[in-house]
Amino acid sequence: MPQLNPAPWLMILIFSWFVFLTLIPPKVLAHTYPNEPSPRDTKTFETKPWNWPWY
């Protein structure tokens, strides 16, 4: 049964994991968003009580 022979498949598995672990993570970590969020103003607004007309 040729599928039980680990000689070709083991090297393919090792090479594919080598590619995944060395090439792809730096590309993903270097990704930047096109619109970086800007810090919002720290100004707080003064709240006023709401007068309910029926109370």
C-alpha atoms as a PDB file:
ATOM      1  CA  MET A   1       0.000   0.000   0.000  1.00  0.00           C
ATOM      2  CA  PRO A   2       1.794   3.145  -1.169  1.00  0.00           C
ATOM      3  CA  GLN A   3      -0.134   5.537   1.075  1.00  0.00           C
ATOM      4  CA  LEU A   4       1.533   3.971   4.118  1.00  0.00           C
ATOM      5  CA  ASN A   5       5.001   4.792   2.809  1.00  0.00           C
ATOM      6  CA  PRO A   6       6.006   7.915   4.806  1.00  0.00           C
ATOM      7  CA  ALA A   7       8.949   8.823   2.593  1.00  0.00           C
ATOM      8  CA  PRO A   8       7.307  11.358   0.208  1.00  0.00           C
ATOM      9  CA  TRP A   9       4.526  12.533   2.504  1.00  0.00           C
ATOM     10  CA  LEU A  10       6.659  13.205   5.538  1.00  0.00           C
ATOM     11  CA  MET A  11       8.893  15.611   3.611  1.00  0.00           C
ATOM     12  CA  ILE A  12       5.838  17.338   2.116  1.00  0.00           C
ATOM     13  CA  LEU A  13       4.367  17.720   5.598  1.00  0.00           C
ATOM     14  CA  ILE A  14       7.597  19.089   7.065  1.00  0.00           C
ATOM     15  CA  PHE A  15       8.151  21.481   4.149  1.00  0.00           C
ATOM     16  CA  SER A  16       4.560  22.766   4.245  1.00  0.00           C
ATOM     17  CA  TRP A  17       4.794  23.437   8.006  1.00  0.00           C
ATOM     18  CA  PHE A  18       8.136  25.142   7.449  1.00  0.00           C
ATOM     19  CA  VAL A  19       6.483  27.439   4.902  1.00  0.00           C
ATOM     20  CA  PHE A  20       3.520  28.130   7.167  1.00  0.00           C
ATOM     21  CA  LEU A  21       5.646  28.895  10.204  1.00  0.00           C
ATOM     22  CA  THR A  22       8.341  30.998   8.526  1.00  0.00           C
ATOM     23  CA  LEU A  23       6.719  32.904   5.679  1.00  0.00           C
ATOM     24  CA  ILE A  24       3.100  33.482   6.601  1.00  0.00           C
ATOM     25  CA  PRO A  25       3.270  34.860  10.222  1.00  0.00           C
ATOM     26  CA  PRO A  26       5.539  37.813   9.345  1.00  0.00           C
ATOM     27  CA  LYS A  27       3.213  38.747   6.488  1.00  0.00           C
ATOM     28  CA  VAL A  28       0.188  38.609   8.769  1.00  0.00           C
ATOM     29  CA  LEU A  29       1.884  40.525  11.590  1.00  0.00           C
ATOM     30  CA  ALA A  30       3.097  43.234   9.197  1.00  0.00           C
ATOM     31  CA  HIS A  31      -0.459  43.958   8.061  1.00  0.00           C
ATOM     32  CA  THR A  32      -1.611  47.491   8.774  1.00  0.00           C
ATOM     33  CA  TYR A  33      -5.092  48.850   8.529  1.00  0.00           C
ATOM     34  CA  PRO A  34      -5.651  51.570   5.925  1.00  0.00           C
ATOM     35  CA  ASN A  35      -7.498  53.824   8.362  1.00  0.00           C
ATOM     36  CA  GLU A  36      -5.813  53.872  11.726  1.00  0.00           C
ATOM     37  CA  PRO A  37      -8.208  55.006  14.446  1.00  0.00           C
ATOM     38  CA  SER A  38      -7.430  58.431  15.761  1.00  0.00           C
ATOM     39  CA  PRO A  39      -7.627  59.153  19.483  1.00  0.00           C
ATOM     40  CA  ARG A  40     -10.870  60.809  20.428  1.00  0.00           C
ATOM     41  CA  ASP A  41     -11.112  64.034  22.327  1.00  0.00           C
ATOM     42  CA  THR A  42     -11.033  63.615  26.079  1.00  0.00           C
ATOM     43  CA  LYS A  43     -13.528  66.432  26.500  1.00  0.00           C
ATOM     44  CA  THR A  44     -16.495  65.373  28.605  1.00  0.00           C
ATOM     45  CA  PHE A  45     -19.881  66.875  27.997  1.00  0.00           C
ATOM     46  CA  GLU A  46     -21.975  68.343  30.768  1.00  0.00           C
ATOM     47  CA  THR A  47     -25.198  66.458  31.238  1.00  0.00           C
ATOM     48  CA  LYS A  48     -28.392  68.139  32.350  1.00  0.00           C
ATOM     49  CA  PRO A  49     -31.363  66.502  34.018  1.00  0.00           C
ATOM     50  CA  TRP A  50     -34.230  65.663  31.751  1.00  0.00           C
ATOM     51  CA  ASN A  51     -37.485  67.247  32.865  1.00  0.00           C
ATOM     52  CA  TRP A  52     -40.318  64.869  32.224  1.00  0.00           C
ATOM     53  CA  PRO A  53     -43.458  66.871  31.415  1.00  0.00           C
ATOM     54  CA  TRP A  54     -45.898  64.292  32.817  1.00  0.00           C
ATOM     55  CA  TYR A  55     -44.221  63.665  36.142  1.00  0.00           C
END
